[in-house]
Amino acid sequence: MKSFLIILLKVVVAIAVGVAIVHLWPVTIVPMFAALLLLVGLAVVFLIFLVTAGTAGVAVLTGLMAVAAVLLAVLSPVWFPVLLILGIIWIVRRLCGIGRRSTTA
């Protein structure tokens, strides 16, 4: 008799939960739908932020490359002779054997 009452109680609880779910369905679906819309809106805002940041990053990188190109062009009268002098020094040291390590221990 005791097990019958426990089974009956479980059936009554399951029916009560089912009835509550059916009656409260509109109350529970509206907040879930609102949360879904909020998440979609936040995802759109986040994607817009990523695209904007990417565009700004590309623009900054392009600007830095342009500044570097202008700087190289402006300083070319300085670094061309410096490279030429360094190349001549390297060739002379190489031909004269200066700077070679001793192979005998």
PDB file of N, CA and C in Angstrom:
ATOM      1  N   MET A   1       0.821  -1.193   0.000  1.00  0.00           N
ATOM      2  CA  MET A   1       0.000   0.000   0.000  1.00  0.00           C
ATOM      3  C   MET A   1       0.866   1.258   0.000  1.00  0.00           C
ATOM      4  N   LYS A   2       1.994   1.155   0.708  1.00  0.00           N
ATOM      5  CA  LYS A   2       2.881   2.313   0.822  1.00  0.00           C
ATOM      6  C   LYS A   2       3.486   2.657  -0.547  1.00  0.00           C
ATOM      7  N   SER A   3       3.912   1.673  -1.319  1.00  0.00           N
ATOM      8  CA  SER A   3       4.508   1.929  -2.622  1.00  0.00           C
ATOM      9  C   SER A   3       3.457   2.491  -3.597  1.00  0.00           C
ATOM     10  N   PHE A   4       2.214   2.043  -3.436  1.00  0.00           N
ATOM     11  CA  PHE A   4       1.151   2.579  -4.278  1.00  0.00           C
ATOM     12  C   PHE A   4       0.952   4.063  -4.030  1.00  0.00           C
ATOM     13  N   LEU A   5       1.003   4.484  -2.772  1.00  0.00           N
ATOM     14  CA  LEU A   5       0.841   5.904  -2.441  1.00  0.00           C
ATOM     15  C   LEU A   5       2.018   6.735  -2.967  1.00  0.00           C
ATOM     16  N   ILE A   6       3.222   6.172  -2.907  1.00  0.00           N
ATOM     17  CA  ILE A   6       4.397   6.894  -3.420  1.00  0.00           C
ATOM     18  C   ILE A   6       4.284   7.053  -4.933  1.00  0.00           C
ATOM     19  N   ILE A   7       3.872   5.982  -5.623  1.00  0.00           N
ATOM     20  CA  ILE A   7       3.707   6.056  -7.076  1.00  0.00           C
ATOM     21  C   ILE A   7       2.590   7.041  -7.413  1.00  0.00           C
ATOM     22  N   LEU A   8       1.499   7.006  -6.665  1.00  0.00           N
ATOM     23  CA  LEU A   8       0.390   7.933  -6.887  1.00  0.00           C
ATOM     24  C   LEU A   8       0.832   9.377  -6.665  1.00  0.00           C
ATOM     25  N   LEU A   9       1.631   9.607  -5.627  1.00  0.00           N
ATOM     26  CA  LEU A   9       2.150  10.944  -5.350  1.00  0.00           C
ATOM     27  C   LEU A   9       3.041  11.426  -6.501  1.00  0.00           C
ATOM     28  N   LYS A  10       3.894  10.538  -7.037  1.00  0.00           N
ATOM     29  CA  LYS A  10       4.763  10.904  -8.164  1.00  0.00           C
ATOM     30  C   LYS A  10       3.934  11.247  -9.400  1.00  0.00           C
ATOM     31  N   VAL A  11       2.877  10.470  -9.650  1.00  0.00           N
ATOM     32  CA  VAL A  11       2.012  10.738 -10.800  1.00  0.00           C
ATOM     33  C   VAL A  11       1.301  12.079 -10.627  1.00  0.00           C
ATOM     34  N   VAL A  12       0.794  12.352  -9.429  1.00  0.00           N
ATOM     35  CA  VAL A  12       0.100  13.620  -9.163  1.00  0.00           C
ATOM     36  C   VAL A  12       1.068  14.798  -9.324  1.00  0.00           C
ATOM     37  N   VAL A  13       2.291  14.648  -8.826  1.00  0.00           N
ATOM     38  CA  VAL A  13       3.298  15.718  -8.962  1.00  0.00           C
ATOM     39  C   VAL A  13       3.637  15.920 -10.435  1.00  0.00           C
ATOM     40  N   ALA A  14       3.808  14.846 -11.207  1.00  0.00           N
ATOM     41  CA  ALA A  14       4.114  14.967 -12.634  1.00  0.00           C
ATOM     42  C   ALA A  14       2.972  15.665 -13.367  1.00  0.00           C
ATOM     43  N   ILE A  15       1.736  15.329 -13.035  1.00  0.00           N
ATOM     44  CA  ILE A  15       0.576  15.988 -13.677  1.00  0.00           C
ATOM     45  C   ILE A  15       0.532  17.459 -13.286  1.00  0.00           C
ATOM     46  N   ALA A  16       0.807  17.764 -12.008  1.00  0.00           N
ATOM     47  CA  ALA A  16       0.788  19.164 -11.560  1.00  0.00           C
ATOM     48  C   ALA A  16       1.884  19.974 -12.258  1.00  0.00           C
ATOM     49  N   VAL A  17       3.048  19.395 -12.402  1.00  0.00           N
ATOM     50  CA  VAL A  17       4.138  20.089 -13.098  1.00  0.00           C
ATOM     51  C   VAL A  17       3.772  20.287 -14.559  1.00  0.00           C
ATOM     52  N   GLY A  18       3.199  19.288 -15.191  1.00  0.00           N
ATOM     53  CA  GLY A  18       2.775  19.409 -16.584  1.00  0.00           C
ATOM     54  C   GLY A  18       1.734  20.498 -16.771  1.00  0.00           C
ATOM     55  N   VAL A  19       0.746  20.547 -15.875  1.00  0.00           N
ATOM     56  CA  VAL A  19      -0.294  21.579 -15.955  1.00  0.00           C
ATOM     57  C   VAL A  19       0.321  22.959 -15.732  1.00  0.00           C
ATOM     58  N   ALA A  20       1.252  23.073 -14.775  1.00  0.00           N
ATOM     59  CA  ALA A  20       1.905  24.360 -14.517  1.00  0.00           C
ATOM     60  C   ALA A  20       2.724  24.811 -15.729  1.00  0.00           C
ATOM     61  N   ILE A  21       3.402  23.873 -16.370  1.00  0.00           N
ATOM     62  CA  ILE A  21       4.190  24.227 -17.563  1.00  0.00           C
ATOM     63  C   ILE A  21       3.271  24.706 -18.680  1.00  0.00           C
ATOM     64  N   VAL A  22       2.163  24.020 -18.884  1.00  0.00           N
ATOM     65  CA  VAL A  22       1.248  24.412 -19.955  1.00  0.00           C
ATOM     66  C   VAL A  22       0.615  25.771 -19.664  1.00  0.00           C
ATOM     67  N   HIS A  23       0.254  26.033 -18.424  1.00  0.00           N
ATOM     68  CA  HIS A  23      -0.395  27.297 -18.077  1.00  0.00           C
ATOM     69  C   HIS A  23       0.593  28.453 -17.990  1.00  0.00           C
ATOM     70  N   LEU A  24       1.817  28.175 -17.611  1.00  0.00           N
ATOM     71  CA  LEU A  24       2.811  29.242 -17.469  1.00  0.00           C
ATOM     72  C   LEU A  24       3.692  29.400 -18.704  1.00  0.00           C
ATOM     73  N   TRP A  25       3.379  28.690 -19.799  1.00  0.00           N
ATOM     74  CA  TRP A  25       4.193  28.755 -21.015  1.00  0.00           C
ATOM     75  C   TRP A  25       4.337  30.183 -21.546  1.00  0.00           C
ATOM     76  N   PRO A  26       3.272  30.981 -21.655  1.00  0.00           N
ATOM     77  CA  PRO A  26       3.444  32.350 -22.155  1.00  0.00           C
ATOM     78  C   PRO A  26       4.310  33.215 -21.235  1.00  0.00           C
ATOM     79  N   VAL A  27       4.217  32.964 -19.951  1.00  0.00           N
ATOM     80  CA  VAL A  27       5.003  33.752 -18.999  1.00  0.00           C
ATOM     81  C   VAL A  27       6.489  33.411 -19.111  1.00  0.00           C
ATOM     82  N   THR A  28       6.813  32.172 -19.424  1.00  0.00           N
ATOM     83  CA  THR A  28       8.222  31.784 -19.523  1.00  0.00           C
ATOM     84  C   THR A  28       8.800  32.039 -20.906  1.00  0.00           C
ATOM     85  N   ILE A  29       7.982  32.031 -21.955  1.00  0.00           N
ATOM     86  CA  ILE A  29       8.511  32.193 -23.312  1.00  0.00           C
ATOM     87  C   ILE A  29       8.880  33.650 -23.587  1.00  0.00           C
ATOM     88  N   VAL A  30       8.158  34.605 -23.002  1.00  0.00           N
ATOM     89  CA  VAL A  30       8.440  36.018 -23.270  1.00  0.00           C
ATOM     90  C   VAL A  30       9.825  36.420 -22.753  1.00  0.00           C
ATOM     91  N   PRO A  31      10.209  36.105 -21.521  1.00  0.00           N
ATOM     92  CA  PRO A  31      11.573  36.464 -21.099  1.00  0.00           C
ATOM     93  C   PRO A  31      12.660  35.736 -21.891  1.00  0.00           C
ATOM     94  N   MET A  32      12.399  34.493 -22.266  1.00  0.00           N
ATOM     95  CA  MET A  32      13.401  33.777 -23.057  1.00  0.00           C
ATOM     96  C   MET A  32      13.545  34.406 -24.430  1.00  0.00           C
ATOM     97  N   PHE A  33      12.444  34.828 -25.053  1.00  0.00           N
ATOM     98  CA  PHE A  33      12.505  35.485 -26.348  1.00  0.00           C
ATOM     99  C   PHE A  33      13.204  36.838 -26.231  1.00  0.00           C
ATOM    100  N   ALA A  34      12.936  37.571 -25.149  1.00  0.00           N
ATOM    101  CA  ALA A  34      13.598  38.865 -24.929  1.00  0.00           C
ATOM    102  C   ALA A  34      15.098  38.671 -24.719  1.00  0.00           C
ATOM    103  N   ALA A  35      15.480  37.638 -23.983  1.00  0.00           N
ATOM    104  CA  ALA A  35      16.904  37.361 -23.777  1.00  0.00           C
ATOM    105  C   ALA A  35      17.577  36.978 -25.089  1.00  0.00           C
ATOM    106  N   LEU A  36      16.891  36.220 -25.925  1.00  0.00           N
ATOM    107  CA  LEU A  36      17.443  35.856 -27.232  1.00  0.00           C
ATOM    108  C   LEU A  36      17.648  37.089 -28.105  1.00  0.00           C
ATOM    109  N   LEU A  37      16.673  37.992 -28.121  1.00  0.00           N
ATOM    110  CA  LEU A  37      16.819  39.233 -28.882  1.00  0.00           C
ATOM    111  C   LEU A  37      17.963  40.083 -28.341  1.00  0.00           C
ATOM    112  N   LEU A  38      18.106  40.122 -27.025  1.00  0.00           N
ATOM    113  CA  LEU A  38      19.200  40.886 -26.418  1.00  0.00           C
ATOM    114  C   LEU A  38      20.550  40.302 -26.811  1.00  0.00           C
ATOM    115  N   LEU A  39      20.668  38.979 -26.797  1.00  0.00           N
ATOM    116  CA  LEU A  39      21.925  38.346 -27.178  1.00  0.00           C
ATOM    117  C   LEU A  39      22.252  38.579 -28.649  1.00  0.00           C
ATOM    118  N   VAL A  40      21.250  38.524 -29.508  1.00  0.00           N
ATOM    119  CA  VAL A  40      21.477  38.793 -30.927  1.00  0.00           C
ATOM    120  C   VAL A  40      21.919  40.243 -31.119  1.00  0.00           C
ATOM    121  N   GLY A  41      21.281  41.162 -30.424  1.00  0.00           N
ATOM    122  CA  GLY A  41      21.672  42.576 -30.499  1.00  0.00           C
ATOM    123  C   GLY A  41      23.093  42.807 -30.012  1.00  0.00           C
ATOM    124  N   LEU A  42      23.458  42.152 -28.912  1.00  0.00           N
ATOM    125  CA  LEU A  42      24.825  42.285 -28.405  1.00  0.00           C
ATOM    126  C   LEU A  42      25.834  41.686 -29.379  1.00  0.00           C
ATOM    127  N   ALA A  43      25.479  40.586 -30.024  1.00  0.00           N
ATOM    128  CA  ALA A  43      26.378  39.985 -31.002  1.00  0.00           C
ATOM    129  C   ALA A  43      26.578  40.918 -32.197  1.00  0.00           C
ATOM    130  N   VAL A  44      25.524  41.579 -32.640  1.00  0.00           N
ATOM    131  CA  VAL A  44      25.637  42.521 -33.752  1.00  0.00           C
ATOM    132  C   VAL A  44      26.513  43.704 -33.363  1.00  0.00           C
ATOM    133  N   VAL A  45      26.315  44.229 -32.166  1.00  0.00           N
ATOM    134  CA  VAL A  45      27.147  45.349 -31.694  1.00  0.00           C
ATOM    135  C   VAL A  45      28.610  44.918 -31.600  1.00  0.00           C
ATOM    136  N   PHE A  46      28.854  43.723 -31.112  1.00  0.00           N
ATOM    137  CA  PHE A  46      30.230  43.225 -30.998  1.00  0.00           C
ATOM    138  C   PHE A  46      30.871  43.066 -32.375  1.00  0.00           C
ATOM    139  N   LEU A  47      30.132  42.545 -33.342  1.00  0.00           N
ATOM    140  CA  LEU A  47      30.670  42.408 -34.696  1.00  0.00           C
ATOM    141  C   LEU A  47      30.953  43.768 -35.327  1.00  0.00           C
ATOM    142  N   ILE A  48      30.074  44.737 -35.102  1.00  0.00           N
ATOM    143  CA  ILE A  48      30.313  46.086 -35.612  1.00  0.00           C
ATOM    144  C   ILE A  48      31.576  46.666 -34.981  1.00  0.00           C
ATOM    145  N   PHE A  49      31.765  46.441 -33.677  1.00  0.00           N
ATOM    146  CA  PHE A  49      32.966  46.907 -32.999  1.00  0.00           C
ATOM    147  C   PHE A  49      34.216  46.254 -33.587  1.00  0.00           C
ATOM    148  N   LEU A  50      34.155  44.953 -33.857  1.00  0.00           N
ATOM    149  CA  LEU A  50      35.312  44.273 -34.435  1.00  0.00           C
ATOM    150  C   LEU A  50      35.648  44.809 -35.822  1.00  0.00           C
ATOM    151  N   VAL A  51      34.634  45.041 -36.640  1.00  0.00           N
ATOM    152  CA  VAL A  51      34.880  45.565 -37.988  1.00  0.00           C
ATOM    153  C   VAL A  51      35.462  46.968 -37.900  1.00  0.00           C
ATOM    154  N   THR A  52      34.934  47.798 -37.008  1.00  0.00           N
ATOM    155  CA  THR A  52      35.438  49.160 -36.850  1.00  0.00           C
ATOM    156  C   THR A  52      36.875  49.154 -36.348  1.00  0.00           C
ATOM    157  N   ALA A  53      37.162  48.313 -35.370  1.00  0.00           N
ATOM    158  CA  ALA A  53      38.528  48.245 -34.846  1.00  0.00           C
ATOM    159  C   ALA A  53      39.494  47.720 -35.906  1.00  0.00           C
ATOM    160  N   GLY A  54      39.049  46.750 -36.696  1.00  0.00           N
ATOM    161  CA  GLY A  54      39.899  46.229 -37.765  1.00  0.00           C
ATOM    162  C   GLY A  54      40.186  47.280 -38.816  1.00  0.00           C
ATOM    163  N   THR A  55      39.163  48.052 -39.168  1.00  0.00           N
ATOM    164  CA  THR A  55      39.351  49.118 -40.150  1.00  0.00           C
ATOM    165  C   THR A  55      40.296  50.181 -39.620  1.00  0.00           C
ATOM    166  N   ALA A  56      40.136  50.551 -38.371  1.00  0.00           N
ATOM    167  CA  ALA A  56      41.027  51.554 -37.771  1.00  0.00           C
ATOM    168  C   ALA A  56      42.451  51.013 -37.694  1.00  0.00           C
ATOM    169  N   GLY A  57      42.595  49.733 -37.363  1.00  0.00           N
ATOM    170  CA  GLY A  57      43.930  49.137 -37.296  1.00  0.00           C
ATOM    171  C   GLY A  57      44.622  49.122 -38.644  1.00  0.00           C
ATOM    172  N   VAL A  58      43.872  48.804 -39.693  1.00  0.00           N
ATOM    173  CA  VAL A  58      44.452  48.802 -41.045  1.00  0.00           C
ATOM    174  C   VAL A  58      44.835  50.216 -41.444  1.00  0.00           C
ATOM    175  N   ALA A  59      44.012  51.199 -41.098  1.00  0.00           N
ATOM    176  CA  ALA A  59      44.322  52.587 -41.432  1.00  0.00           C
ATOM    177  C   ALA A  59      45.573  53.057 -40.701  1.00  0.00           C
ATOM    178  N   VAL A  60      45.700  52.705 -39.430  1.00  0.00           N
ATOM    179  CA  VAL A  60      46.891  53.087 -38.667  1.00  0.00           C
ATOM    180  C   VAL A  60      48.130  52.407 -39.235  1.00  0.00           C
ATOM    181  N   LEU A  61      48.018  51.129 -39.577  1.00  0.00           N
ATOM    182  CA  LEU A  61      49.151  50.411 -40.148  1.00  0.00           C
ATOM    183  C   LEU A  61      49.574  51.016 -41.488  1.00  0.00           C
ATOM    184  N   THR A  62      48.605  51.381 -42.316  1.00  0.00           N
ATOM    185  CA  THR A  62      48.914  52.028 -43.593  1.00  0.00           C
ATOM    186  C   THR A  62      49.594  53.367 -43.368  1.00  0.00           C
ATOM    187  N   GLY A  63      49.125  54.110 -42.408  1.00  0.00           N
ATOM    188  CA  GLY A  63      49.751  55.398 -42.087  1.00  0.00           C
ATOM    189  C   GLY A  63      51.183  55.234 -41.597  1.00  0.00           C
ATOM    190  N   LEU A  64      51.414  54.239 -40.752  1.00  0.00           N
ATOM    191  CA  LEU A  64      52.779  54.001 -40.259  1.00  0.00           C
ATOM    192  C   LEU A  64      53.707  53.579 -41.388  1.00  0.00           C
ATOM    193  N   MET A  65      53.204  52.766 -42.310  1.00  0.00           N
ATOM    194  CA  MET A  65      54.042  52.362 -43.442  1.00  0.00           C
ATOM    195  C   MET A  65      54.353  53.558 -44.339  1.00  0.00           C
ATOM    196  N   ALA A  66      53.393  54.465 -44.515  1.00  0.00           N
ATOM    197  CA  ALA A  66      53.636  55.662 -45.310  1.00  0.00           C
ATOM    198  C   ALA A  66      54.678  56.553 -44.634  1.00  0.00           C
ATOM    199  N   VAL A  67      54.574  56.693 -43.310  1.00  0.00           N
ATOM    200  CA  VAL A  67      55.561  57.492 -42.577  1.00  0.00           C
ATOM    201  C   VAL A  67      56.941  56.863 -42.694  1.00  0.00           C
ATOM    202  N   ALA A  68      57.025  55.546 -42.611  1.00  0.00           N
ATOM    203  CA  ALA A  68      58.316  54.869 -42.743  1.00  0.00           C
ATOM    204  C   ALA A  68      58.896  55.069 -44.139  1.00  0.00           C
ATOM    205  N   ALA A  69      58.063  55.002 -45.166  1.00  0.00           N
ATOM    206  CA  ALA A  69      58.541  55.212 -46.536  1.00  0.00           C
ATOM    207  C   ALA A  69      59.046  56.643 -46.723  1.00  0.00           C
ATOM    208  N   VAL A  70      58.311  57.619 -46.185  1.00  0.00           N
ATOM    209  CA  VAL A  70      58.744  59.016 -46.286  1.00  0.00           C
ATOM    210  C   VAL A  70      60.045  59.223 -45.525  1.00  0.00           C
ATOM    211  N   LEU A  71      60.154  58.613 -44.347  1.00  0.00           N
ATOM    212  CA  LEU A  71      61.379  58.739 -43.554  1.00  0.00           C
ATOM    213  C   LEU A  71      62.570  58.129 -44.280  1.00  0.00           C
ATOM    214  N   LEU A  72      62.384  56.977 -44.902  1.00  0.00           N
ATOM    215  CA  LEU A  72      63.466  56.372 -45.685  1.00  0.00           C
ATOM    216  C   LEU A  72      63.853  57.250 -46.862  1.00  0.00           C
ATOM    217  N   ALA A  73      62.861  57.841 -47.510  1.00  0.00           N
ATOM    218  CA  ALA A  73      63.163  58.706 -48.653  1.00  0.00           C
ATOM    219  C   ALA A  73      63.890  59.969 -48.217  1.00  0.00           C
ATOM    220  N   VAL A  74      63.477  60.529 -47.086  1.00  0.00           N
ATOM    221  CA  VAL A  74      64.123  61.755 -46.605  1.00  0.00           C
ATOM    222  C   VAL A  74      65.546  61.479 -46.150  1.00  0.00           C
ATOM    223  N   LEU A  75      65.763  60.338 -45.504  1.00  0.00           N
ATOM    224  CA  LEU A  75      67.093  60.032 -44.968  1.00  0.00           C
ATOM    225  C   LEU A  75      67.983  59.308 -45.970  1.00  0.00           C
ATOM    226  N   SER A  76      67.524  59.090 -47.190  1.00  0.00           N
ATOM    227  CA  SER A  76      68.347  58.373 -48.162  1.00  0.00           C
ATOM    228  C   SER A  76      69.671  59.068 -48.465  1.00  0.00           C
ATOM    229  N   PRO A  77      69.760  60.398 -48.473  1.00  0.00           N
ATOM    230  CA  PRO A  77      71.078  60.999 -48.672  1.00  0.00           C
ATOM    231  C   PRO A  77      72.051  60.685 -47.532  1.00  0.00           C
ATOM    232  N   VAL A  78      71.540  60.279 -46.391  1.00  0.00           N
ATOM    233  CA  VAL A  78      72.411  59.952 -45.253  1.00  0.00           C
ATOM    234  C   VAL A  78      72.772  58.475 -45.267  1.00  0.00           C
ATOM    235  N   TRP A  79      71.788  57.599 -45.441  1.00  0.00           N
ATOM    236  CA  TRP A  79      72.093  56.187 -45.249  1.00  0.00           C
ATOM    237  C   TRP A  79      72.696  55.521 -46.472  1.00  0.00           C
ATOM    238  N   PHE A  80      72.557  56.094 -47.655  1.00  0.00           N
ATOM    239  CA  PHE A  80      73.271  55.534 -48.809  1.00  0.00           C
ATOM    240  C   PHE A  80      74.795  55.637 -48.634  1.00  0.00           C
ATOM    241  N   PRO A  81      75.334  56.816 -48.302  1.00  0.00           N
ATOM    242  CA  PRO A  81      76.782  56.890 -48.080  1.00  0.00           C
ATOM    243  C   PRO A  81      77.244  56.064 -46.884  1.00  0.00           C
ATOM    244  N   VAL A  82      76.423  55.996 -45.831  1.00  0.00           N
ATOM    245  CA  VAL A  82      76.799  55.202 -44.654  1.00  0.00           C
ATOM    246  C   VAL A  82      76.902  53.737 -45.042  1.00  0.00           C
ATOM    247  N   LEU A  83      75.945  53.239 -45.811  1.00  0.00           N
ATOM    248  CA  LEU A  83      76.009  51.847 -46.260  1.00  0.00           C
ATOM    249  C   LEU A  83      77.200  51.617 -47.185  1.00  0.00           C
ATOM    250  N   LEU A  84      77.495  52.591 -48.011  1.00  0.00           N
ATOM    251  CA  LEU A  84      78.642  52.475 -48.900  1.00  0.00           C
ATOM    252  C   LEU A  84      79.946  52.398 -48.105  1.00  0.00           C
ATOM    253  N   ILE A  85      80.099  53.249 -47.119  1.00  0.00           N
ATOM    254  CA  ILE A  85      81.310  53.234 -46.274  1.00  0.00           C
ATOM    255  C   ILE A  85      81.405  51.928 -45.500  1.00  0.00           C
ATOM    256  N   LEU A  86      80.285  51.464 -44.941  1.00  0.00           N
ATOM    257  CA  LEU A  86      80.308  50.197 -44.194  1.00  0.00           C
ATOM    258  C   LEU A  86      80.642  49.023 -45.111  1.00  0.00           C
ATOM    259  N   GLY A  87      80.146  49.051 -46.337  1.00  0.00           N
ATOM    260  CA  GLY A  87      80.472  47.987 -47.282  1.00  0.00           C
ATOM    261  C   GLY A  87      81.944  47.982 -47.651  1.00  0.00           C
ATOM    262  N   ILE A  88      82.512  49.163 -47.861  1.00  0.00           N
ATOM    263  CA  ILE A  88      83.945  49.249 -48.180  1.00  0.00           C
ATOM    264  C   ILE A  88      84.778  48.748 -47.007  1.00  0.00           C
ATOM    265  N   ILE A  89      84.420  49.134 -45.794  1.00  0.00           N
ATOM    266  CA  ILE A  89      85.155  48.663 -44.609  1.00  0.00           C
ATOM    267  C   ILE A  89      85.053  47.151 -44.491  1.00  0.00           C
ATOM    268  N   TRP A  90      83.885  46.576 -44.748  1.00  0.00           N
ATOM    269  CA  TRP A  90      83.703  45.136 -44.655  1.00  0.00           C
ATOM    270  C   TRP A  90      84.556  44.411 -45.696  1.00  0.00           C
ATOM    271  N   ILE A  91      84.585  44.935 -46.922  1.00  0.00           N
ATOM    272  CA  ILE A  91      85.394  44.307 -47.979  1.00  0.00           C
ATOM    273  C   ILE A  91      86.875  44.376 -47.645  1.00  0.00           C
ATOM    274  N   VAL A  92      87.355  45.540 -47.161  1.00  0.00           N
ATOM    275  CA  VAL A  92      88.780  45.690 -46.815  1.00  0.00           C
ATOM    276  C   VAL A  92      89.154  44.761 -45.673  1.00  0.00           C
ATOM    277  N   ARG A  93      88.328  44.652 -44.668  1.00  0.00           N
ATOM    278  CA  ARG A  93      88.627  43.759 -43.543  1.00  0.00           C
ATOM    279  C   ARG A  93      88.638  42.307 -44.003  1.00  0.00           C
ATOM    280  N   ARG A  94      87.734  41.977 -44.905  1.00  0.00           N
ATOM    281  CA  ARG A  94      87.658  40.604 -45.416  1.00  0.00           C
ATOM    282  C   ARG A  94      88.896  40.260 -46.244  1.00  0.00           C
ATOM    283  N   LEU A  95      89.346  41.192 -47.086  1.00  0.00           N
ATOM    284  CA  LEU A  95      90.511  40.942 -47.932  1.00  0.00           C
ATOM    285  C   LEU A  95      91.810  40.935 -47.129  1.00  0.00           C
ATOM    286  N   CYS A  96      91.885  41.734 -46.085  1.00  0.00           N
ATOM    287  CA  CYS A  96      93.108  41.804 -45.294  1.00  0.00           C
ATOM    288  C   CYS A  96      93.171  40.718 -44.222  1.00  0.00           C
ATOM    289  N   GLY A  97      92.101  40.034 -43.992  1.00  0.00           N
ATOM    290  CA  GLY A  97      92.089  38.973 -42.988  1.00  0.00           C
ATOM    291  C   GLY A  97      91.917  39.496 -41.569  1.00  0.00           C
ATOM    292  N   ILE A  98      91.521  40.731 -41.421  1.00  0.00           N
ATOM    293  CA  ILE A  98      91.319  41.302 -40.093  1.00  0.00           C
ATOM    294  C   ILE A  98      89.983  40.772 -39.556  1.00  0.00           C
ATOM    295  N   GLY A  99      90.031  40.343 -38.301  1.00  0.00           N
ATOM    296  CA  GLY A  99      88.814  39.894 -37.663  1.00  0.00           C
ATOM    297  C   GLY A  99      88.575  38.406 -37.778  1.00  0.00           C
ATOM    298  N   ARG A 100      89.514  37.683 -38.419  1.00  0.00           N
ATOM    299  CA  ARG A 100      89.339  36.223 -38.491  1.00  0.00           C
ATOM    300  C   ARG A 100      89.792  35.605 -37.173  1.00  0.00           C
ATOM    301  N   ARG A 101      89.133  34.539 -36.819  1.00  0.00           N
ATOM    302  CA  ARG A 101      89.495  33.853 -35.584  1.00  0.00           C
ATOM    303  C   ARG A 101      90.624  32.877 -35.866  1.00  0.00           C
ATOM    304  N   SER A 102      91.440  32.691 -34.872  1.00  0.00           N
ATOM    305  CA  SER A 102      92.550  31.762 -35.018  1.00  0.00           C
ATOM    306  C   SER A 102      92.027  30.324 -34.938  1.00  0.00           C
ATOM    307  N   THR A 103      92.517  29.481 -35.858  1.00  0.00           N
ATOM    308  CA  THR A 103      92.054  28.092 -35.882  1.00  0.00           C
ATOM    309  C   THR A 103      92.932  27.188 -35.029  1.00  0.00           C
ATOM    310  N   THR A 104      94.087  27.672 -34.579  1.00  0.00           N
ATOM    311  CA  THR A 104      94.962  26.870 -33.740  1.00  0.00           C
ATOM    312  C   THR A 104      94.631  27.105 -32.293  1.00  0.00           C
ATOM    313  N   ALA A 105      94.678  26.031 -31.543  1.00  0.00           N
ATOM    314  CA  ALA A 105      94.335  26.162 -30.132  1.00  0.00           C
ATOM    315  C   ALA A 105      95.552  26.261 -29.253  1.00  0.00           C
TER     316      ALA A 105
END
